[in-house]
C-alpha atoms as a PDB file:
ATOM      1  CA  UNK A   1      34.124  21.817  20.154  1.00  0.00           C
ATOM      2  CA  UNK A   2      31.769  19.329  18.637  1.00  0.00           C
ATOM      3  CA  UNK A   3      28.079  20.075  18.916  1.00  0.00           C
ATOM      4  CA  UNK A   4      25.947  17.690  20.890  1.00  0.00           C
ATOM      5  CA  UNK A   5      23.666  16.545  18.084  1.00  0.00           C
ATOM      6  CA  UNK A   6      21.225  14.929  20.490  1.00  0.00           C
ATOM      7  CA  UNK A   7      20.580  18.291  22.143  1.00  0.00           C
ATOM      8  CA  UNK A   8      20.387  20.051  18.774  1.00  0.00           C
ATOM      9  CA  UNK A   9      17.975  17.580  17.174  1.00  0.00           C
ATOM     10  CA  UNK A  10      15.818  16.839  20.216  1.00  0.00           C
ATOM     11  CA  UNK A  11      13.604  19.990  20.020  1.00  0.00           C
ATOM     12  CA  UNK A  12      12.627  19.634  16.320  1.00  0.00           C
ATOM     13  CA  UNK A  13      12.128  15.898  16.835  1.00  0.00           C
ATOM     14  CA  UNK A  14       9.777  16.492  19.759  1.00  0.00           C
ATOM     15  CA  UNK A  15       7.895  19.150  17.786  1.00  0.00           C
ATOM     16  CA  UNK A  16       7.443  16.791  14.828  1.00  0.00           C
ATOM     17  CA  UNK A  17       6.303  13.920  17.044  1.00  0.00           C
ATOM     18  CA  UNK A  18       3.887  16.204  18.885  1.00  0.00           C
ATOM     19  CA  UNK A  19       2.366  17.432  15.641  1.00  0.00           C
ATOM     20  CA  UNK A  20       2.168  13.885  14.283  1.00  0.00           C
ATOM     21  CA  UNK A  21       0.688  12.075  17.265  1.00  0.00           C
ATOM     22  CA  UNK A  22      -0.994  15.066  18.891  1.00  0.00           C
ATOM     23  CA  UNK A  23      -3.202  15.766  15.894  1.00  0.00           C
ATOM     24  CA  UNK A  24      -4.031  12.067  15.605  1.00  0.00           C
ATOM     25  CA  UNK A  25      -5.008  11.953  19.270  1.00  0.00           C
ATOM     26  CA  UNK A  26      -7.197  15.048  18.991  1.00  0.00           C
ATOM     27  CA  UNK A  27      -9.062  13.537  16.053  1.00  0.00           C
ATOM     28  CA  UNK A  28      -9.296   9.938  17.261  1.00  0.00           C
ATOM     29  CA  UNK A  29     -10.581  10.873  20.708  1.00  0.00           C
ATOM     30  CA  UNK A  30     -13.651  12.340  18.984  1.00  0.00           C
ATOM     31  CA  UNK A  31     -14.702   8.746  18.316  1.00  0.00           C
ATOM     32  CA  UNK A  32     -15.683   8.394  21.972  1.00  0.00           C
ATOM     33  CA  UNK A  33     -18.233  11.225  21.781  1.00  0.00           C
ATOM     34  CA  UNK A  34     -21.634  10.857  20.138  1.00  0.00           C
ATOM     35  CA  UNK A  35     -22.423  13.098  17.165  1.00  0.00           C
ATOM     36  CA  UNK A  36     -25.120  15.701  17.779  1.00  0.00           C
ATOM     37  CA  UNK A  37     -25.380  16.926  14.195  1.00  0.00           C
ATOM     38  CA  UNK A  38     -23.828  19.717  12.094  1.00  0.00           C
ATOM     39  CA  UNK A  39     -20.328  18.923  13.281  1.00  0.00           C
ATOM     40  CA  UNK A  40     -21.186  18.993  16.985  1.00  0.00           C
ATOM     41  CA  UNK A  41     -20.272  16.211  19.406  1.00  0.00           C
ATOM     42  CA  UNK A  42     -21.409  15.384  22.916  1.00  0.00           C
ATOM     43  CA  UNK A  43     -19.417  15.677  26.111  1.00  0.00           C
ATOM     44  CA  UNK A  44     -19.923  12.219  27.644  1.00  0.00           C
ATOM     45  CA  UNK A  45     -17.522   9.386  26.870  1.00  0.00           C
ATOM     46  CA  UNK A  46     -19.224   6.387  25.268  1.00  0.00           C
ATOM     47  CA  UNK A  47     -18.597   3.599  22.749  1.00  0.00           C
ATOM     48  CA  UNK A  48     -21.611   4.300  20.531  1.00  0.00           C
ATOM     49  CA  UNK A  49     -19.572   5.195  17.431  1.00  0.00           C
ATOM     50  CA  UNK A  50     -17.232   2.219  17.788  1.00  0.00           C
ATOM     51  CA  UNK A  51     -20.166  -0.149  18.287  1.00  0.00           C
ATOM     52  CA  UNK A  52     -21.661   1.171  15.044  1.00  0.00           C
ATOM     53  CA  UNK A  53     -18.322   0.848  13.253  1.00  0.00           C
ATOM     54  CA  UNK A  54     -17.840  -2.786  14.253  1.00  0.00           C
ATOM     55  CA  UNK A  55     -21.452  -3.937  13.846  1.00  0.00           C
ATOM     56  CA  UNK A  56     -23.070  -2.134  10.907  1.00  0.00           C
ATOM     57  CA  UNK A  57     -22.774  -4.165   7.663  1.00  0.00           C
ATOM     58  CA  UNK A  58     -22.076  -1.066   5.545  1.00  0.00           C
ATOM     59  CA  UNK A  59     -18.909  -0.208   7.434  1.00  0.00           C
ATOM     60  CA  UNK A  60     -17.788  -3.843   7.699  1.00  0.00           C
ATOM     61  CA  UNK A  61     -18.293  -4.346   3.957  1.00  0.00           C
ATOM     62  CA  UNK A  62     -16.223  -1.228   3.273  1.00  0.00           C
ATOM     63  CA  UNK A  63     -13.421  -2.597   5.447  1.00  0.00           C
ATOM     64  CA  UNK A  64     -13.635  -6.010   3.782  1.00  0.00           C
ATOM     65  CA  UNK A  65     -13.491  -4.425   0.320  1.00  0.00           C
ATOM     66  CA  UNK A  66     -10.535  -2.352   1.442  1.00  0.00           C
ATOM     67  CA  UNK A  67      -8.708  -5.465   2.605  1.00  0.00           C
ATOM     68  CA  UNK A  68      -9.441  -7.444  -0.571  1.00  0.00           C
ATOM     69  CA  UNK A  69      -8.248  -4.609  -2.813  1.00  0.00           C
ATOM     70  CA  UNK A  70      -5.091  -4.101  -0.741  1.00  0.00           C
ATOM     71  CA  UNK A  71      -4.215  -7.815  -0.869  1.00  0.00           C
ATOM     72  CA  UNK A  72      -4.821  -7.885  -4.638  1.00  0.00           C
ATOM     73  CA  UNK A  73      -2.611  -4.827  -5.116  1.00  0.00           C
ATOM     74  CA  UNK A  74       0.209  -6.367  -3.065  1.00  0.00           C
ATOM     75  CA  UNK A  75       0.006  -9.690  -4.927  1.00  0.00           C
ATOM     76  CA  UNK A  76      -0.049  -8.171  -8.423  1.00  0.00           C
ATOM     77  CA  UNK A  77       2.631  -5.612  -7.610  1.00  0.00           C
ATOM     78  CA  UNK A  78       4.892  -8.283  -6.142  1.00  0.00           C
ATOM     79  CA  UNK A  79       4.492 -10.525  -9.203  1.00  0.00           C
ATOM     80  CA  UNK A  80       5.396  -7.638 -11.525  1.00  0.00           C
ATOM     81  CA  UNK A  81       8.056  -5.933  -9.405  1.00  0.00           C
ATOM     82  CA  UNK A  82      10.095  -8.932  -8.244  1.00  0.00           C
ATOM     83  CA  UNK A  83      11.420  -9.965 -11.684  1.00  0.00           C
ATOM     84  CA  UNK A  84      12.188  -6.320 -12.471  1.00  0.00           C
ATOM     85  CA  UNK A  85      14.061  -5.902  -9.192  1.00  0.00           C
ATOM     86  CA  UNK A  86      16.010  -9.113  -9.836  1.00  0.00           C
ATOM     87  CA  UNK A  87      17.020  -8.029 -13.338  1.00  0.00           C
ATOM     88  CA  UNK A  88      18.064  -4.567 -12.162  1.00  0.00           C
ATOM     89  CA  UNK A  89      20.014  -6.039  -9.229  1.00  0.00           C
ATOM     90  CA  UNK A  90      21.957  -8.307 -11.583  1.00  0.00           C
ATOM     91  CA  UNK A  91      22.774  -5.543 -14.078  1.00  0.00           C
ATOM     92  CA  UNK A  92      26.089  -3.735 -14.162  1.00  0.00           C
ATOM     93  CA  UNK A  93      26.291  -0.921 -11.572  1.00  0.00           C
ATOM     94  CA  UNK A  94      26.049   1.748 -14.274  1.00  0.00           C
ATOM     95  CA  UNK A  95      22.760   0.477 -15.678  1.00  0.00           C
ATOM     96  CA  UNK A  96      21.377  -0.258 -12.223  1.00  0.00           C
ATOM     97  CA  UNK A  97      21.911   3.379 -11.272  1.00  0.00           C
ATOM     98  CA  UNK A  98      20.172   4.509 -14.468  1.00  0.00           C
ATOM     99  CA  UNK A  99      17.073   2.379 -13.816  1.00  0.00           C
ATOM    100  CA  UNK A 100      16.892   3.240 -10.121  1.00  0.00           C
ATOM    101  CA  UNK A 101      17.255   6.943 -10.884  1.00  0.00           C
ATOM    102  CA  UNK A 102      14.377   6.715 -13.349  1.00  0.00           C
ATOM    103  CA  UNK A 103      12.209   5.041 -10.705  1.00  0.00           C
ATOM    104  CA  UNK A 104      13.120   7.600  -8.051  1.00  0.00           C
ATOM    105  CA  UNK A 105      12.349  10.468 -10.425  1.00  0.00           C
ATOM    106  CA  UNK A 106       8.989   8.904 -11.333  1.00  0.00           C
ATOM    107  CA  UNK A 107       8.103   8.741  -7.638  1.00  0.00           C
ATOM    108  CA  UNK A 108       8.392  12.535  -7.455  1.00  0.00           C
ATOM    109  CA  UNK A 109       5.384  12.920  -9.747  1.00  0.00           C
ATOM    110  CA  UNK A 110       2.207  13.769  -7.853  1.00  0.00           C
ATOM    111  CA  UNK A 111      -0.212  10.920  -7.204  1.00  0.00           C
ATOM    112  CA  UNK A 112      -3.035  13.039  -8.605  1.00  0.00           C
ATOM    113  CA  UNK A 113      -1.173  13.527 -11.889  1.00  0.00           C
ATOM    114  CA  UNK A 114      -0.480   9.800 -12.182  1.00  0.00           C
ATOM    115  CA  UNK A 115      -4.101   8.921 -11.491  1.00  0.00           C
ATOM    116  CA  UNK A 116      -5.369  11.503 -13.978  1.00  0.00           C
ATOM    117  CA  UNK A 117      -3.013  10.001 -16.562  1.00  0.00           C
ATOM    118  CA  UNK A 118      -4.574   6.582 -15.992  1.00  0.00           C
ATOM    119  CA  UNK A 119      -8.054   8.084 -16.322  1.00  0.00           C
ATOM    120  CA  UNK A 120      -7.134   9.683 -19.660  1.00  0.00           C
ATOM    121  CA  UNK A 121      -5.425   6.580 -21.071  1.00  0.00           C
ATOM    122  CA  UNK A 122      -8.030   4.025 -19.963  1.00  0.00           C
ATOM    123  CA  UNK A 123     -11.102   6.254 -20.138  1.00  0.00           C
ATOM    124  CA  UNK A 124     -14.162   5.406 -22.218  1.00  0.00           C
ATOM    125  CA  UNK A 125     -12.814   7.483 -25.123  1.00  0.00           C
ATOM    126  CA  UNK A 126      -9.161   7.049 -24.228  1.00  0.00           C
ATOM    127  CA  UNK A 127      -6.470   5.774 -26.593  1.00  0.00           C
ATOM    128  CA  UNK A 128      -6.652   2.195 -25.267  1.00  0.00           C
ATOM    129  CA  UNK A 129     -10.381   1.823 -25.917  1.00  0.00           C
ATOM    130  CA  UNK A 130     -10.131   3.584 -29.278  1.00  0.00           C
ATOM    131  CA  UNK A 131      -7.299   1.314 -30.405  1.00  0.00           C
ATOM    132  CA  UNK A 132      -9.094  -1.868 -29.306  1.00  0.00           C
ATOM    133  CA  UNK A 133     -12.281  -0.813 -31.100  1.00  0.00           C
ATOM    134  CA  UNK A 134     -10.313   0.156 -34.209  1.00  0.00           C
ATOM    135  CA  UNK A 135      -8.608  -3.246 -34.347  1.00  0.00           C
ATOM    136  CA  UNK A 136     -11.929  -5.015 -33.836  1.00  0.00           C
ATOM    137  CA  UNK A 137     -10.806  -6.755 -30.663  1.00  0.00           C
ATOM    138  CA  UNK A 138     -13.758  -5.278 -28.790  1.00  0.00           C
ATOM    139  CA  UNK A 139     -17.072  -3.840 -29.938  1.00  0.00           C
ATOM    140  CA  UNK A 140     -18.021  -2.000 -26.769  1.00  0.00           C
ATOM    141  CA  UNK A 141     -15.738   0.082 -24.600  1.00  0.00           C
ATOM    142  CA  UNK A 142     -14.039  -1.534 -21.623  1.00  0.00           C
ATOM    143  CA  UNK A 143     -14.987   0.243 -18.427  1.00  0.00           C
ATOM    144  CA  UNK A 144     -12.051   0.662 -16.077  1.00  0.00           C
ATOM    145  CA  UNK A 145     -12.883   3.907 -14.327  1.00  0.00           C
ATOM    146  CA  UNK A 146     -15.501   3.449 -11.633  1.00  0.00           C
ATOM    147  CA  UNK A 147     -14.636  -0.211 -11.072  1.00  0.00           C
ATOM    148  CA  UNK A 148     -12.607  -2.208  -8.571  1.00  0.00           C
ATOM    149  CA  UNK A 149     -10.240  -3.199 -11.376  1.00  0.00           C
ATOM    150  CA  UNK A 150      -9.507   0.464 -12.022  1.00  0.00           C
ATOM    151  CA  UNK A 151      -8.634   1.078  -8.377  1.00  0.00           C
ATOM    152  CA  UNK A 152      -6.380  -2.001  -8.317  1.00  0.00           C
ATOM    153  CA  UNK A 153      -4.698  -0.868 -11.539  1.00  0.00           C
ATOM    154  CA  UNK A 154      -4.040   2.599 -10.153  1.00  0.00           C
ATOM    155  CA  UNK A 155      -2.650   1.407  -6.828  1.00  0.00           C
ATOM    156  CA  UNK A 156      -0.505  -1.209  -8.581  1.00  0.00           C
ATOM    157  CA  UNK A 157       0.899   1.440 -10.896  1.00  0.00           C
ATOM    158  CA  UNK A 158       1.761   3.614  -7.908  1.00  0.00           C
ATOM    159  CA  UNK A 159       3.309   0.735  -5.959  1.00  0.00           C
ATOM    160  CA  UNK A 160       5.568  -0.873  -8.569  1.00  0.00           C
ATOM    161  CA  UNK A 161       8.427   1.641  -8.310  1.00  0.00           C
ATOM    162  CA  UNK A 162       8.225   1.536  -4.516  1.00  0.00           C
ATOM    163  CA  UNK A 163       8.326  -2.269  -4.470  1.00  0.00           C
ATOM    164  CA  UNK A 164      11.176  -2.501  -6.988  1.00  0.00           C
ATOM    165  CA  UNK A 165      13.371  -0.118  -4.997  1.00  0.00           C
ATOM    166  CA  UNK A 166      12.792  -2.037  -1.761  1.00  0.00           C
ATOM    167  CA  UNK A 167      13.391  -5.454  -3.305  1.00  0.00           C
ATOM    168  CA  UNK A 168      16.446  -4.269  -5.242  1.00  0.00           C
ATOM    169  CA  UNK A 169      18.550  -3.711  -2.136  1.00  0.00           C
ATOM    170  CA  UNK A 170      17.563  -7.103  -0.697  1.00  0.00           C
ATOM    171  CA  UNK A 171      18.302  -9.063  -3.872  1.00  0.00           C
ATOM    172  CA  UNK A 172      21.541  -7.190  -4.474  1.00  0.00           C
ATOM    173  CA  UNK A 173      22.759  -8.250  -1.022  1.00  0.00           C
ATOM    174  CA  UNK A 174      22.469 -11.927  -2.019  1.00  0.00           C
ATOM    175  CA  UNK A 175      25.948 -13.040  -3.178  1.00  0.00           C
ATOM    176  CA  UNK A 176      26.032 -14.134  -6.803  1.00  0.00           C
ATOM    177  CA  UNK A 177      28.420 -16.875  -5.760  1.00  0.00           C
ATOM    178  CA  UNK A 178      25.486 -18.732  -4.187  1.00  0.00           C
ATOM    179  CA  UNK A 179      23.664 -18.810  -7.515  1.00  0.00           C
ATOM    180  CA  UNK A 180      26.829 -19.821  -9.344  1.00  0.00           C
ATOM    181  CA  UNK A 181      27.476 -22.617  -6.856  1.00  0.00           C
ATOM    182  CA  UNK A 182      23.957 -23.966  -7.332  1.00  0.00           C
ATOM    183  CA  UNK A 183      24.368 -23.877 -11.116  1.00  0.00           C
ATOM    184  CA  UNK A 184      27.712 -25.669 -10.886  1.00  0.00           C
ATOM    185  CA  UNK A 185      25.953 -28.484  -9.018  1.00  0.00           C
ATOM    186  CA  UNK A 186      23.475 -28.865 -11.872  1.00  0.00           C
ATOM    187  CA  UNK A 187      20.564 -26.650 -10.837  1.00  0.00           C
ATOM    188  CA  UNK A 188      18.808 -24.797 -13.642  1.00  0.00           C
ATOM    189  CA  UNK A 189      18.449 -21.022 -13.618  1.00  0.00           C
ATOM    190  CA  UNK A 190      14.748 -21.382 -12.833  1.00  0.00           C
ATOM    191  CA  UNK A 191      15.452 -23.753  -9.937  1.00  0.00           C
ATOM    192  CA  UNK A 192      18.161 -21.456  -8.581  1.00  0.00           C
ATOM    193  CA  UNK A 193      15.719 -18.552  -8.704  1.00  0.00           C
ATOM    194  CA  UNK A 194      13.028 -20.461  -6.797  1.00  0.00           C
ATOM    195  CA  UNK A 195      15.190 -22.376  -4.314  1.00  0.00           C
ATOM    196  CA  UNK A 196      17.961 -19.852  -3.606  1.00  0.00           C
ATOM    197  CA  UNK A 197      17.059 -16.272  -4.510  1.00  0.00           C
ATOM    198  CA  UNK A 198      13.439 -16.144  -3.383  1.00  0.00           C
ATOM    199  CA  UNK A 199      13.947 -17.826   0.038  1.00  0.00           C
ATOM    200  CA  UNK A 200      16.912 -15.574   0.845  1.00  0.00           C
ATOM    201  CA  UNK A 201      14.960 -12.473  -0.142  1.00  0.00           C
ATOM    202  CA  UNK A 202      11.817 -13.347   1.835  1.00  0.00           C
ATOM    203  CA  UNK A 203      12.511 -10.901   4.719  1.00  0.00           C
ATOM    204  CA  UNK A 204      12.603  -8.057   2.203  1.00  0.00           C
ATOM    205  CA  UNK A 205       9.530  -9.383   0.418  1.00  0.00           C
ATOM    206  CA  UNK A 206       7.554  -9.456   3.665  1.00  0.00           C
ATOM    207  CA  UNK A 207       8.669  -5.952   4.662  1.00  0.00           C
ATOM    208  CA  UNK A 208       7.899  -4.465   1.245  1.00  0.00           C
ATOM    209  CA  UNK A 209       4.538  -6.251   1.065  1.00  0.00           C
ATOM    210  CA  UNK A 210       3.459  -5.024   4.496  1.00  0.00           C
ATOM    211  CA  UNK A 211       4.452  -1.440   3.717  1.00  0.00           C
ATOM    212  CA  UNK A 212       2.581  -1.509   0.414  1.00  0.00           C
ATOM    213  CA  UNK A 213      -0.398  -3.133   2.137  1.00  0.00           C
ATOM    214  CA  UNK A 214      -0.463  -0.293   4.669  1.00  0.00           C
ATOM    215  CA  UNK A 215      -0.308   2.283   1.881  1.00  0.00           C
ATOM    216  CA  UNK A 216      -3.072   0.558  -0.094  1.00  0.00           C
ATOM    217  CA  UNK A 217      -5.327   0.286   2.963  1.00  0.00           C
ATOM    218  CA  UNK A 218      -5.115   4.037   3.508  1.00  0.00           C
ATOM    219  CA  UNK A 219      -5.222   5.056  -0.161  1.00  0.00           C
ATOM    220  CA  UNK A 220      -7.805   7.755  -0.760  1.00  0.00           C
ATOM    221  CA  UNK A 221      -7.006   9.682  -3.957  1.00  0.00           C
ATOM    222  CA  UNK A 222      -6.857   6.588  -6.168  1.00  0.00           C
ATOM    223  CA  UNK A 223     -10.042   5.142  -4.681  1.00  0.00           C
ATOM    224  CA  UNK A 224     -11.945   8.404  -5.153  1.00  0.00           C
ATOM    225  CA  UNK A 225     -10.779   9.294  -8.662  1.00  0.00           C
ATOM    226  CA  UNK A 226     -10.492   5.828 -10.199  1.00  0.00           C
ATOM    227  CA  UNK A 227     -13.431   4.440  -8.242  1.00  0.00           C
ATOM    228  CA  UNK A 228     -15.639   7.260  -9.449  1.00  0.00           C
ATOM    229  CA  UNK A 229     -17.632   7.220  -6.221  1.00  0.00           C
ATOM    230  CA  UNK A 230     -18.711   3.621  -6.847  1.00  0.00           C
ATOM    231  CA  UNK A 231     -15.923   1.788  -5.009  1.00  0.00           C
ATOM    232  CA  UNK A 232     -16.673   2.435  -1.351  1.00  0.00           C
ATOM    233  CA  UNK A 233     -13.461   1.673   0.491  1.00  0.00           C
ATOM    234  CA  UNK A 234     -13.195   2.720   4.118  1.00  0.00           C
ATOM    235  CA  UNK A 235     -11.143   5.905   3.436  1.00  0.00           C
ATOM    236  CA  UNK A 236     -13.847   7.009   0.984  1.00  0.00           C
ATOM    237  CA  UNK A 237     -16.538   6.261   3.571  1.00  0.00           C
ATOM    238  CA  UNK A 238     -14.626   8.303   6.165  1.00  0.00           C
ATOM    239  CA  UNK A 239     -14.376  11.246   3.767  1.00  0.00           C
ATOM    240  CA  UNK A 240     -18.104  11.139   3.030  1.00  0.00           C
ATOM    241  CA  UNK A 241     -18.925  10.801   6.706  1.00  0.00           C
ATOM    242  CA  UNK A 242     -17.053  14.047   7.350  1.00  0.00           C
ATOM    243  CA  UNK A 243     -18.105  16.104   4.322  1.00  0.00           C
ATOM    244  CA  UNK A 244     -21.642  14.888   3.658  1.00  0.00           C
ATOM    245  CA  UNK A 245     -22.884  14.003   7.128  1.00  0.00           C
ATOM    246  CA  UNK A 246     -20.494  16.105   9.282  1.00  0.00           C
ATOM    247  CA  UNK A 247     -20.298  13.199  11.746  1.00  0.00           C
ATOM    248  CA  UNK A 248     -16.805  13.814  13.058  1.00  0.00           C
ATOM    249  CA  UNK A 249     -17.158  11.329  15.900  1.00  0.00           C
ATOM    250  CA  UNK A 250     -18.221   8.533  13.558  1.00  0.00           C
ATOM    251  CA  UNK A 251     -15.412   9.382  11.132  1.00  0.00           C
ATOM    252  CA  UNK A 252     -12.912   9.263  13.989  1.00  0.00           C
ATOM    253  CA  UNK A 253     -14.227   5.857  15.085  1.00  0.00           C
ATOM    254  CA  UNK A 254     -13.916   4.530  11.530  1.00  0.00           C
ATOM    255  CA  UNK A 255     -10.360   5.862  11.365  1.00  0.00           C
ATOM    256  CA  UNK A 256      -9.597   4.110  14.630  1.00  0.00           C
ATOM    257  CA  UNK A 257     -11.090   0.889  13.305  1.00  0.00           C
ATOM    258  CA  UNK A 258      -8.935   1.114  10.175  1.00  0.00           C
ATOM    259  CA  UNK A 259      -5.786   1.759  12.211  1.00  0.00           C
ATOM    260  CA  UNK A 260      -6.519  -1.143  14.563  1.00  0.00           C
ATOM    261  CA  UNK A 261      -7.209  -3.496  11.667  1.00  0.00           C
ATOM    262  CA  UNK A 262      -4.012  -2.578   9.816  1.00  0.00           C
ATOM    263  CA  UNK A 263      -2.005  -2.865  13.026  1.00  0.00           C
ATOM    264  CA  UNK A 264      -3.491  -6.303  13.735  1.00  0.00           C
ATOM    265  CA  UNK A 265      -2.719  -7.542  10.211  1.00  0.00           C
ATOM    266  CA  UNK A 266       0.889  -6.378  10.547  1.00  0.00           C
ATOM    267  CA  UNK A 267       1.312  -8.073  13.927  1.00  0.00           C
ATOM    268  CA  UNK A 268      -0.234 -11.349  12.740  1.00  0.00           C
ATOM    269  CA  UNK A 269       1.888 -11.332   9.569  1.00  0.00           C
ATOM    270  CA  UNK A 270       5.144 -10.695  11.411  1.00  0.00           C
ATOM    271  CA  UNK A 271       4.396 -13.370  14.019  1.00  0.00           C
ATOM    272  CA  UNK A 272       3.414 -15.897  11.341  1.00  0.00           C
ATOM    273  CA  UNK A 273       6.548 -15.275   9.278  1.00  0.00           C
ATOM    274  CA  UNK A 274       8.757 -15.442  12.377  1.00  0.00           C
ATOM    275  CA  UNK A 275       7.269 -18.790  13.405  1.00  0.00           C
ATOM    276  CA  UNK A 276       7.613 -20.177   9.882  1.00  0.00           C
ATOM    277  CA  UNK A 277      11.286 -19.218   9.761  1.00  0.00           C
ATOM    278  CA  UNK A 278      11.893 -20.650  13.239  1.00  0.00           C
ATOM    279  CA  UNK A 279      10.204 -23.918  12.260  1.00  0.00           C
ATOM    280  CA  UNK A 280      12.255 -24.165   9.070  1.00  0.00           C
ATOM    281  CA  UNK A 281      15.527 -23.568  10.903  1.00  0.00           C
ATOM    282  CA  UNK A 282      14.512 -26.140  13.525  1.00  0.00           C
ATOM    283  CA  UNK A 283      13.958 -28.744  10.809  1.00  0.00           C
ATOM    284  CA  UNK A 284      17.239 -27.986   9.089  1.00  0.00           C
END
């Protein structure tokens, strides 16, 4: 007798969903209670924390910086990862498996270890700065750690493998016969790439970009370690609000603001892409 997998999997699924959304609800609902100091919150529902979150320049600047860094990370990662994904997708199956396996294995390495590796390599006395000074290319050390560029570099490094793996499956699904047909009709390889491959892979590009954008918006470890406490993204501000000021209500409101902003960006992006595709199909 076959087991009813719905009945078997329903309890663990409900437990996981309860732990996931239940803990989020418990924390986020603190945003509607005013902080009383030393980790204590009031008992009356009010919007004081959310009004602060959406009106104080410090918090708005942190959100704006977060958005700018996330967009930069997505753009740079996409520029680097797309050609790699295309090359891997057009390799023989044996070599494609080798490259994809290497990327999957690299994703198992802890984010902290990867970030610490970047700090060592690009640090003030790291091998990159020492080599550039030795060759005479620079006279003073290039500061990467504690800058926005360092945070972008770290998040881009973390996102390349993720982006390549997502784009690989999309590009591989595009029949090579379409490229060959375009070449037979006189189109150059560059024109085929721009007019055939990229348009057909746009759904995957949008999905991968949005997922990486969401990851970058919530990135904390990279912003803290590579930012050196100088790059105040919203996750860093939330952490300091909890640890330094013990304002749990304010931290919850900032978390809610971040979630709402990311959700709004995703909705607007999906709607915009859907309308663009509908308009293009209507014209054709």
